[in-house]
Amino acid sequence: MAEHEKTETKLKLATPGSIAVDAILVVAFFIYMYTVVSTHVPSEDPKMIHLWGALTASCLAALFWLALQMFRVVYKAQCEAKKK
Protein backbone atom coordinates (compact mmCIF):
# COMPACT_ATOMS: atom_id res chain seq x y z
CA MET A 1 0.00 0.00 0.00
CA ALA A 2 1.41 3.38 -0.97
CA GLU A 3 1.94 6.16 1.56
CA HIS A 4 -0.75 8.28 -0.13
CA GLU A 5 -3.32 5.49 0.27
CA LYS A 6 -2.49 5.14 3.98
CA THR A 7 -3.19 8.80 4.66
CA GLU A 8 -6.43 8.62 2.68
CA THR A 9 -7.77 5.85 4.93
CA LYS A 10 -6.78 7.60 8.19
CA LEU A 11 -8.27 11.02 7.42
CA LYS A 12 -11.97 11.21 8.31
CA LEU A 13 -13.61 14.46 7.27
CA ALA A 14 -17.11 13.76 8.54
CA THR A 15 -18.00 12.12 11.83
CA PRO A 16 -21.48 11.69 13.29
CA GLY A 17 -20.74 14.49 15.75
CA SER A 18 -19.61 16.90 13.06
CA ILE A 19 -22.67 16.10 10.96
CA ALA A 20 -24.93 16.82 13.94
CA VAL A 21 -23.18 20.13 14.64
CA ASP A 22 -23.43 21.10 10.97
CA ALA A 23 -27.13 20.21 10.90
CA ILE A 24 -27.84 22.36 13.97
CA LEU A 25 -25.88 25.29 12.52
CA VAL A 26 -27.62 25.03 9.14
CA VAL A 27 -31.09 24.87 10.71
CA ALA A 28 -30.29 27.86 12.93
CA PHE A 29 -28.96 29.78 9.92
CA PHE A 30 -32.09 28.89 7.93
CA ILE A 31 -34.36 30.19 10.69
CA TYR A 32 -32.36 33.39 11.00
CA MET A 33 -32.32 34.00 7.26
CA TYR A 34 -36.03 33.24 6.98
CA THR A 35 -36.80 35.92 9.55
CA VAL A 36 -34.62 38.38 7.61
CA VAL A 37 -35.78 37.67 4.06
CA SER A 38 -39.48 37.09 4.73
CA THR A 39 -39.87 40.76 5.67
CA HIS A 40 -38.61 41.72 2.18
CA VAL A 41 -41.10 39.67 0.15
CA PRO A 42 -43.21 42.13 -1.88
CA SER A 43 -46.58 40.54 -1.14
CA GLU A 44 -49.47 40.87 1.28
CA ASP A 45 -50.45 37.19 1.01
CA PRO A 46 -49.05 35.23 4.00
CA LYS A 47 -48.73 32.05 1.90
CA MET A 48 -46.53 33.81 -0.64
CA ILE A 49 -44.47 35.40 2.13
CA HIS A 50 -43.88 31.97 3.71
CA LEU A 51 -43.18 30.32 0.36
CA TRP A 52 -40.67 32.83 -1.00
CA GLY A 53 -39.09 33.44 2.39
CA ALA A 54 -38.53 29.70 2.83
CA LEU A 55 -37.26 29.21 -0.73
CA THR A 56 -34.79 32.07 -0.41
CA ALA A 57 -33.64 30.98 3.04
CA SER A 58 -33.16 27.40 1.83
CA CYS A 59 -30.83 28.55 -0.97
CA LEU A 60 -28.82 30.60 1.50
CA ALA A 61 -28.74 27.73 4.00
CA ALA A 62 -27.44 25.38 1.29
CA LEU A 63 -24.69 27.87 0.51
CA PHE A 64 -23.90 28.11 4.23
CA TRP A 65 -23.69 24.30 4.42
CA LEU A 66 -21.28 24.26 1.48
CA ALA A 67 -19.13 26.92 3.16
CA LEU A 68 -19.05 24.85 6.37
CA GLN A 69 -17.89 21.78 4.47
CA MET A 70 -15.19 23.73 2.65
CA PHE A 71 -14.04 25.24 5.95
CA ARG A 72 -13.86 21.78 7.53
CA VAL A 73 -11.77 20.34 4.69
CA VAL A 74 -9.33 23.27 4.62
CA TYR A 75 -8.99 23.27 8.42
CA LYS A 76 -8.26 19.51 8.50
CA ALA A 77 -5.73 19.87 5.67
CA GLN A 78 -3.96 22.68 7.50
CA CYS A 79 -3.84 20.68 10.72
CA GLU A 80 -2.43 17.68 8.85
CA ALA A 81 0.17 19.90 7.18
CA LYS A 82 1.30 21.27 10.57
CA LYS A 83 1.77 17.72 11.90
CA LYS A 84 4.12 16.82 9.05
PDB file of N, CA and C in Angstrom:
ATOM      1  N   MET A   1       0.855  -1.181   0.000  1.00  0.00           N
ATOM      2  CA  MET A   1       0.000   0.000   0.000  1.00  0.00           C
ATOM      3  C   MET A   1       0.897   1.239   0.000  1.00  0.00           C
ATOM      4  N   ALA A   2       0.604   2.158  -0.858  1.00  0.00           N
ATOM      5  CA  ALA A   2       1.408   3.377  -0.974  1.00  0.00           C
ATOM      6  C   ALA A   2       1.142   4.303   0.207  1.00  0.00           C
ATOM      7  N   GLU A   3       2.082   5.210   0.441  1.00  0.00           N
ATOM      8  CA  GLU A   3       1.939   6.163   1.557  1.00  0.00           C
ATOM      9  C   GLU A   3       0.702   7.033   1.387  1.00  0.00           C
ATOM     10  N   HIS A   4       0.421   7.440   0.146  1.00  0.00           N
ATOM     11  CA  HIS A   4      -0.754   8.282  -0.134  1.00  0.00           C
ATOM     12  C   HIS A   4      -2.044   7.556   0.237  1.00  0.00           C
ATOM     13  N   GLU A   5      -2.122   6.262  -0.046  1.00  0.00           N
ATOM     14  CA  GLU A   5      -3.322   5.491   0.274  1.00  0.00           C
ATOM     15  C   GLU A   5      -3.496   5.341   1.780  1.00  0.00           C
ATOM     16  N   LYS A   6      -2.400   5.253   2.533  1.00  0.00           N
ATOM     17  CA  LYS A   6      -2.487   5.137   3.984  1.00  0.00           C
ATOM     18  C   LYS A   6      -3.082   6.409   4.592  1.00  0.00           C
ATOM     19  N   THR A   7      -2.657   7.563   4.115  1.00  0.00           N
ATOM     20  CA  THR A   7      -3.186   8.803   4.664  1.00  0.00           C
ATOM     21  C   THR A   7      -4.638   9.000   4.279  1.00  0.00           C
ATOM     22  N   GLU A   8      -5.031   8.496   3.113  1.00  0.00           N
ATOM     23  CA  GLU A   8      -6.429   8.621   2.682  1.00  0.00           C
ATOM     24  C   GLU A   8      -7.345   7.837   3.613  1.00  0.00           C
ATOM     25  N   THR A   9      -6.912   6.664   4.089  1.00  0.00           N
ATOM     26  CA  THR A   9      -7.770   5.854   4.929  1.00  0.00           C
ATOM     27  C   THR A   9      -7.835   6.398   6.352  1.00  0.00           C
ATOM     28  N   LYS A  10      -6.787   7.080   6.822  1.00  0.00           N
ATOM     29  CA  LYS A  10      -6.780   7.605   8.187  1.00  0.00           C
ATOM     30  C   LYS A  10      -7.600   8.881   8.341  1.00  0.00           C
ATOM     31  N   LEU A  11      -7.656   9.705   7.311  1.00  0.00           N
ATOM     32  CA  LEU A  11      -8.268  11.017   7.416  1.00  0.00           C
ATOM     33  C   LEU A  11      -9.784  10.924   7.256  1.00  0.00           C
ATOM     34  N   LYS A  12     -10.507  11.185   8.360  1.00  0.00           N
ATOM     35  CA  LYS A  12     -11.972  11.210   8.312  1.00  0.00           C
ATOM     36  C   LYS A  12     -12.424  12.654   8.361  1.00  0.00           C
ATOM     37  N   LEU A  13     -13.159  13.074   7.335  1.00  0.00           N
ATOM     38  CA  LEU A  13     -13.608  14.460   7.274  1.00  0.00           C
ATOM     39  C   LEU A  13     -14.962  14.648   7.934  1.00  0.00           C
ATOM     40  N   ALA A  14     -15.783  13.625   7.951  1.00  0.00           N
ATOM     41  CA  ALA A  14     -17.109  13.755   8.540  1.00  0.00           C
ATOM     42  C   ALA A  14     -17.331  12.649   9.561  1.00  0.00           C
ATOM     43  N   THR A  15     -17.652  13.053  10.766  1.00  0.00           N
ATOM     44  CA  THR A  15     -17.995  12.116  11.826  1.00  0.00           C
ATOM     45  C   THR A  15     -19.454  12.359  12.199  1.00  0.00           C
ATOM     46  N   PRO A  16     -20.081  11.446  12.892  1.00  0.00           N
ATOM     47  CA  PRO A  16     -21.475  11.689  13.289  1.00  0.00           C
ATOM     48  C   PRO A  16     -21.650  12.965  14.128  1.00  0.00           C
ATOM     49  N   GLY A  17     -20.669  13.271  14.947  1.00  0.00           N
ATOM     50  CA  GLY A  17     -20.740  14.491  15.750  1.00  0.00           C
ATOM     51  C   GLY A  17     -20.653  15.747  14.902  1.00  0.00           C
ATOM     52  N   SER A  18     -19.752  15.724  13.928  1.00  0.00           N
ATOM     53  CA  SER A  18     -19.608  16.903  13.063  1.00  0.00           C
ATOM     54  C   SER A  18     -20.832  17.089  12.180  1.00  0.00           C
ATOM     55  N   ILE A  19     -21.445  16.005  11.759  1.00  0.00           N
ATOM     56  CA  ILE A  19     -22.668  16.097  10.958  1.00  0.00           C
ATOM     57  C   ILE A  19     -23.797  16.687  11.793  1.00  0.00           C
ATOM     58  N   ALA A  20     -23.887  16.280  13.062  1.00  0.00           N
ATOM     59  CA  ALA A  20     -24.928  16.815  13.943  1.00  0.00           C
ATOM     60  C   ALA A  20     -24.720  18.310  14.200  1.00  0.00           C
ATOM     61  N   VAL A  21     -23.479  18.710  14.426  1.00  0.00           N
ATOM     62  CA  VAL A  21     -23.177  20.130  14.644  1.00  0.00           C
ATOM     63  C   VAL A  21     -23.507  20.932  13.391  1.00  0.00           C
ATOM     64  N   ASP A  22     -23.125  20.409  12.225  1.00  0.00           N
ATOM     65  CA  ASP A  22     -23.425  21.098  10.969  1.00  0.00           C
ATOM     66  C   ASP A  22     -24.935  21.226  10.763  1.00  0.00           C
ATOM     67  N   ALA A  23     -25.675  20.174  11.068  1.00  0.00           N
ATOM     68  CA  ALA A  23     -27.128  20.214  10.897  1.00  0.00           C
ATOM     69  C   ALA A  23     -27.761  21.274  11.802  1.00  0.00           C
ATOM     70  N   ILE A  24     -27.309  21.358  13.041  1.00  0.00           N
ATOM     71  CA  ILE A  24     -27.838  22.355  13.970  1.00  0.00           C
ATOM     72  C   ILE A  24     -27.506  23.762  13.482  1.00  0.00           C
ATOM     73  N   LEU A  25     -26.276  23.968  13.028  1.00  0.00           N
ATOM     74  CA  LEU A  25     -25.881  25.286  12.523  1.00  0.00           C
ATOM     75  C   LEU A  25     -26.663  25.680  11.279  1.00  0.00           C
ATOM     76  N   VAL A  26     -26.882  24.730  10.373  1.00  0.00           N
ATOM     77  CA  VAL A  26     -27.616  25.031   9.140  1.00  0.00           C
ATOM     78  C   VAL A  26     -29.074  25.340   9.446  1.00  0.00           C
ATOM     79  N   VAL A  27     -29.694  24.600  10.344  1.00  0.00           N
ATOM     80  CA  VAL A  27     -31.087  24.870  10.712  1.00  0.00           C
ATOM     81  C   VAL A  27     -31.203  26.233  11.392  1.00  0.00           C
ATOM     82  N   ALA A  28     -30.274  26.550  12.274  1.00  0.00           N
ATOM     83  CA  ALA A  28     -30.291  27.862  12.934  1.00  0.00           C
ATOM     84  C   ALA A  28     -30.091  28.983  11.921  1.00  0.00           C
ATOM     85  N   PHE A  29     -29.185  28.781  10.955  1.00  0.00           N
ATOM     86  CA  PHE A  29     -28.960  29.781   9.920  1.00  0.00           C
ATOM     87  C   PHE A  29     -30.191  29.944   9.044  1.00  0.00           C
ATOM     88  N   PHE A  30     -30.867  28.826   8.718  1.00  0.00           N
ATOM     89  CA  PHE A  30     -32.095  28.890   7.928  1.00  0.00           C
ATOM     90  C   PHE A  30     -33.157  29.717   8.645  1.00  0.00           C
ATOM     91  N   ILE A  31     -33.348  29.461   9.922  1.00  0.00           N
ATOM     92  CA  ILE A  31     -34.361  30.193  10.693  1.00  0.00           C
ATOM     93  C   ILE A  31     -34.027  31.674  10.737  1.00  0.00           C
ATOM     94  N   TYR A  32     -32.764  31.990  10.968  1.00  0.00           N
ATOM     95  CA  TYR A  32     -32.358  33.389  11.005  1.00  0.00           C
ATOM     96  C   TYR A  32     -32.592  34.062   9.650  1.00  0.00           C
ATOM     97  N   MET A  33     -32.160  33.403   8.583  1.00  0.00           N
ATOM     98  CA  MET A  33     -32.316  34.001   7.257  1.00  0.00           C
ATOM     99  C   MET A  33     -33.780  34.103   6.865  1.00  0.00           C
ATOM    100  N   TYR A  34     -34.599  33.153   7.278  1.00  0.00           N
ATOM    101  CA  TYR A  34     -36.033  33.239   6.984  1.00  0.00           C
ATOM    102  C   TYR A  34     -36.634  34.482   7.636  1.00  0.00           C
ATOM    103  N   THR A  35     -36.257  34.738   8.879  1.00  0.00           N
ATOM    104  CA  THR A  35     -36.804  35.922   9.552  1.00  0.00           C
ATOM    105  C   THR A  35     -36.332  37.206   8.879  1.00  0.00           C
ATOM    106  N   VAL A  36     -35.144  37.183   8.300  1.00  0.00           N
ATOM    107  CA  VAL A  36     -34.624  38.376   7.613  1.00  0.00           C
ATOM    108  C   VAL A  36     -35.294  38.561   6.258  1.00  0.00           C
ATOM    109  N   VAL A  37     -35.303  37.506   5.437  1.00  0.00           N
ATOM    110  CA  VAL A  37     -35.776  37.667   4.062  1.00  0.00           C
ATOM    111  C   VAL A  37     -37.290  37.706   3.938  1.00  0.00           C
ATOM    112  N   SER A  38     -38.009  37.094   4.860  1.00  0.00           N
ATOM    113  CA  SER A  38     -39.481  37.093   4.732  1.00  0.00           C
ATOM    114  C   SER A  38     -40.061  38.495   4.876  1.00  0.00           C
ATOM    115  N   THR A  39     -39.366  39.388   5.545  1.00  0.00           N
ATOM    116  CA  THR A  39     -39.866  40.757   5.667  1.00  0.00           C
ATOM    117  C   THR A  39     -39.682  41.548   4.373  1.00  0.00           C
ATOM    118  N   HIS A  40     -38.887  41.020   3.438  1.00  0.00           N
ATOM    119  CA  HIS A  40     -38.610  41.718   2.183  1.00  0.00           C
ATOM    120  C   HIS A  40     -39.412  41.179   1.003  1.00  0.00           C
ATOM    121  N   VAL A  41     -40.280  40.208   1.236  1.00  0.00           N
ATOM    122  CA  VAL A  41     -41.100  39.666   0.145  1.00  0.00           C
ATOM    123  C   VAL A  41     -42.169  40.690  -0.213  1.00  0.00           C
ATOM    124  N   PRO A  42     -42.244  41.089  -1.492  1.00  0.00           N
ATOM    125  CA  PRO A  42     -43.207  42.131  -1.884  1.00  0.00           C
ATOM    126  C   PRO A  42     -44.607  41.556  -2.110  1.00  0.00           C
ATOM    127  N   SER A  43     -45.236  41.109  -1.035  1.00  0.00           N
ATOM    128  CA  SER A  43     -46.578  40.541  -1.137  1.00  0.00           C
ATOM    129  C   SER A  43     -47.309  40.763   0.179  1.00  0.00           C
ATOM    130  N   GLU A  44     -48.626  40.774   0.087  1.00  0.00           N
ATOM    131  CA  GLU A  44     -49.473  40.867   1.282  1.00  0.00           C
ATOM    132  C   GLU A  44     -50.027  39.502   1.674  1.00  0.00           C
ATOM    133  N   ASP A  45     -49.925  38.534   0.776  1.00  0.00           N
ATOM    134  CA  ASP A  45     -50.450  37.185   1.012  1.00  0.00           C
ATOM    135  C   ASP A  45     -49.490  36.413   1.914  1.00  0.00           C
ATOM    136  N   PRO A  46     -49.939  35.963   3.088  1.00  0.00           N
ATOM    137  CA  PRO A  46     -49.047  35.232   4.003  1.00  0.00           C
ATOM    138  C   PRO A  46     -48.476  33.951   3.392  1.00  0.00           C
ATOM    139  N   LYS A  47     -49.251  33.273   2.528  1.00  0.00           N
ATOM    140  CA  LYS A  47     -48.735  32.049   1.897  1.00  0.00           C
ATOM    141  C   LYS A  47     -47.535  32.355   1.003  1.00  0.00           C
ATOM    142  N   MET A  48     -47.642  33.434   0.248  1.00  0.00           N
ATOM    143  CA  MET A  48     -46.532  33.815  -0.636  1.00  0.00           C
ATOM    144  C   MET A  48     -45.313  34.273   0.171  1.00  0.00           C
ATOM    145  N   ILE A  49     -45.569  34.960   1.263  1.00  0.00           N
ATOM    146  CA  ILE A  49     -44.467  35.395   2.125  1.00  0.00           C
ATOM    147  C   ILE A  49     -43.738  34.180   2.696  1.00  0.00           C
ATOM    148  N   HIS A  50     -44.495  33.192   3.173  1.00  0.00           N
ATOM    149  CA  HIS A  50     -43.880  31.972   3.708  1.00  0.00           C
ATOM    150  C   HIS A  50     -43.147  31.200   2.615  1.00  0.00           C
ATOM    151  N   LEU A  51     -43.781  31.077   1.447  1.00  0.00           N
ATOM    152  CA  LEU A  51     -43.177  30.316   0.356  1.00  0.00           C
ATOM    153  C   LEU A  51     -41.855  30.931  -0.098  1.00  0.00           C
ATOM    154  N   TRP A  52     -41.877  32.216  -0.456  1.00  0.00           N
ATOM    155  CA  TRP A  52     -40.668  32.834  -1.000  1.00  0.00           C
ATOM    156  C   TRP A  52     -39.618  33.091   0.084  1.00  0.00           C
ATOM    157  N   GLY A  53     -40.059  33.324   1.303  1.00  0.00           N
ATOM    158  CA  GLY A  53     -39.095  33.435   2.392  1.00  0.00           C
ATOM    159  C   GLY A  53     -38.369  32.123   2.633  1.00  0.00           C
ATOM    160  N   ALA A  54     -39.129  31.012   2.614  1.00  0.00           N
ATOM    161  CA  ALA A  54     -38.526  29.697   2.834  1.00  0.00           C
ATOM    162  C   ALA A  54     -37.638  29.283   1.664  1.00  0.00           C
ATOM    163  N   LEU A  55     -38.078  29.561   0.434  1.00  0.00           N
ATOM    164  CA  LEU A  55     -37.255  29.206  -0.727  1.00  0.00           C
ATOM    165  C   LEU A  55     -35.938  29.977  -0.739  1.00  0.00           C
ATOM    166  N   THR A  56     -36.009  31.260  -0.433  1.00  0.00           N
ATOM    167  CA  THR A  56     -34.789  32.066  -0.409  1.00  0.00           C
ATOM    168  C   THR A  56     -33.869  31.635   0.726  1.00  0.00           C
ATOM    169  N   ALA A  57     -34.443  31.403   1.894  1.00  0.00           N
ATOM    170  CA  ALA A  57     -33.635  30.981   3.041  1.00  0.00           C
ATOM    171  C   ALA A  57     -33.028  29.603   2.807  1.00  0.00           C
ATOM    172  N   SER A  58     -33.725  28.726   2.090  1.00  0.00           N
ATOM    173  CA  SER A  58     -33.156  27.399   1.827  1.00  0.00           C
ATOM    174  C   SER A  58     -31.949  27.485   0.901  1.00  0.00           C
ATOM    175  N   CYS A  59     -32.010  28.366  -0.097  1.00  0.00           N
ATOM    176  CA  CYS A  59     -30.835  28.554  -0.969  1.00  0.00           C
ATOM    177  C   CYS A  59     -29.646  29.085  -0.172  1.00  0.00           C
ATOM    178  N   LEU A  60     -29.902  30.037   0.685  1.00  0.00           N
ATOM    179  CA  LEU A  60     -28.820  30.604   1.502  1.00  0.00           C
ATOM    180  C   LEU A  60     -28.288  29.582   2.504  1.00  0.00           C
ATOM    181  N   ALA A  61     -29.179  28.760   3.064  1.00  0.00           N
ATOM    182  CA  ALA A  61     -28.742  27.726   4.004  1.00  0.00           C
ATOM    183  C   ALA A  61     -27.897  26.668   3.294  1.00  0.00           C
ATOM    184  N   ALA A  62     -28.248  26.336   2.055  1.00  0.00           N
ATOM    185  CA  ALA A  62     -27.440  25.382   1.292  1.00  0.00           C
ATOM    186  C   ALA A  62     -26.047  25.949   1.023  1.00  0.00           C
ATOM    187  N   LEU A  63     -25.979  27.213   0.713  1.00  0.00           N
ATOM    188  CA  LEU A  63     -24.689  27.866   0.506  1.00  0.00           C
ATOM    189  C   LEU A  63     -23.882  27.888   1.809  1.00  0.00           C
ATOM    190  N   PHE A  64     -24.555  28.131   2.926  1.00  0.00           N
ATOM    191  CA  PHE A  64     -23.895  28.107   4.231  1.00  0.00           C
ATOM    192  C   PHE A  64     -23.361  26.707   4.535  1.00  0.00           C
ATOM    193  N   TRP A  65     -24.140  25.664   4.211  1.00  0.00           N
ATOM    194  CA  TRP A  65     -23.686  24.295   4.421  1.00  0.00           C
ATOM    195  C   TRP A  65     -22.434  24.016   3.594  1.00  0.00           C
ATOM    196  N   LEU A  66     -22.440  24.451   2.333  1.00  0.00           N
ATOM    197  CA  LEU A  66     -21.282  24.261   1.480  1.00  0.00           C
ATOM    198  C   LEU A  66     -20.052  24.972   2.052  1.00  0.00           C
ATOM    199  N   ALA A  67     -20.238  26.177   2.555  1.00  0.00           N
ATOM    200  CA  ALA A  67     -19.132  26.918   3.157  1.00  0.00           C
ATOM    201  C   ALA A  67     -18.602  26.192   4.401  1.00  0.00           C
ATOM    202  N   LEU A  68     -19.497  25.618   5.202  1.00  0.00           N
ATOM    203  CA  LEU A  68     -19.054  24.846   6.375  1.00  0.00           C
ATOM    204  C   LEU A  68     -18.205  23.650   5.962  1.00  0.00           C
ATOM    205  N   GLN A  69     -18.635  22.946   4.921  1.00  0.00           N
ATOM    206  CA  GLN A  69     -17.891  21.778   4.469  1.00  0.00           C
ATOM    207  C   GLN A  69     -16.520  22.174   3.929  1.00  0.00           C
ATOM    208  N   MET A  70     -16.470  23.255   3.178  1.00  0.00           N
ATOM    209  CA  MET A  70     -15.193  23.732   2.652  1.00  0.00           C
ATOM    210  C   MET A  70     -14.271  24.161   3.787  1.00  0.00           C
ATOM    211  N   PHE A  71     -14.825  24.838   4.789  1.00  0.00           N
ATOM    212  CA  PHE A  71     -14.039  25.243   5.947  1.00  0.00           C
ATOM    213  C   PHE A  71     -13.473  24.026   6.666  1.00  0.00           C
ATOM    214  N   ARG A  72     -14.295  22.998   6.827  1.00  0.00           N
ATOM    215  CA  ARG A  72     -13.865  21.784   7.527  1.00  0.00           C
ATOM    216  C   ARG A  72     -12.710  21.108   6.786  1.00  0.00           C
ATOM    217  N   VAL A  73     -12.811  20.997   5.479  1.00  0.00           N
ATOM    218  CA  VAL A  73     -11.771  20.337   4.692  1.00  0.00           C
ATOM    219  C   VAL A  73     -10.469  21.124   4.748  1.00  0.00           C
ATOM    220  N   VAL A  74     -10.540  22.439   4.591  1.00  0.00           N
ATOM    221  CA  VAL A  74      -9.331  23.266   4.624  1.00  0.00           C
ATOM    222  C   VAL A  74      -8.695  23.235   6.005  1.00  0.00           C
ATOM    223  N   TYR A  75      -9.514  23.303   7.051  1.00  0.00           N
ATOM    224  CA  TYR A  75      -8.993  23.267   8.417  1.00  0.00           C
ATOM    225  C   TYR A  75      -8.282  21.939   8.697  1.00  0.00           C
ATOM    226  N   LYS A  76      -8.897  20.819   8.292  1.00  0.00           N
ATOM    227  CA  LYS A  76      -8.262  19.510   8.502  1.00  0.00           C
ATOM    228  C   LYS A  76      -6.956  19.404   7.715  1.00  0.00           C
ATOM    229  N   ALA A  77      -6.955  19.927   6.491  1.00  0.00           N
ATOM    230  CA  ALA A  77      -5.734  19.869   5.675  1.00  0.00           C
ATOM    231  C   ALA A  77      -4.622  20.702   6.305  1.00  0.00           C
ATOM    232  N   GLN A  78      -4.970  21.855   6.852  1.00  0.00           N
ATOM    233  CA  GLN A  78      -3.957  22.684   7.503  1.00  0.00           C
ATOM    234  C   GLN A  78      -3.416  22.020   8.770  1.00  0.00           C
ATOM    235  N   CYS A  79      -4.300  21.388   9.517  1.00  0.00           N
ATOM    236  CA  CYS A  79      -3.840  20.680  10.725  1.00  0.00           C
ATOM    237  C   CYS A  79      -2.931  19.522  10.361  1.00  0.00           C
ATOM    238  N   GLU A  80      -3.278  18.799   9.304  1.00  0.00           N
ATOM    239  CA  GLU A  80      -2.435  17.684   8.851  1.00  0.00           C
ATOM    240  C   GLU A  80      -1.080  18.199   8.356  1.00  0.00           C
ATOM    241  N   ALA A  81      -1.078  19.336   7.684  1.00  0.00           N
ATOM    242  CA  ALA A  81       0.173  19.897   7.178  1.00  0.00           C
ATOM    243  C   ALA A  81       1.084  20.342   8.319  1.00  0.00           C
ATOM    244  N   LYS A  82       0.503  20.858   9.408  1.00  0.00           N
ATOM    245  CA  LYS A  82       1.301  21.267  10.567  1.00  0.00           C
ATOM    246  C   LYS A  82       1.941  20.067  11.256  1.00  0.00           C
ATOM    247  N   LYS A  83       1.252  18.930  11.257  1.00  0.00           N
ATOM    248  CA  LYS A  83       1.772  17.725  11.903  1.00  0.00           C
ATOM    249  C   LYS A  83       2.980  17.169  11.166  1.00  0.00           C
ATOM    250  N   LYS A  84       3.014  17.366   9.857  1.00  0.00           N
ATOM    251  CA  LYS A  84       4.121  16.820   9.047  1.00  0.00           C
ATOM    252  C   LYS A  84       5.277  17.703   9.048  1.00  0.00           C
TER     253      LYS A  84
END
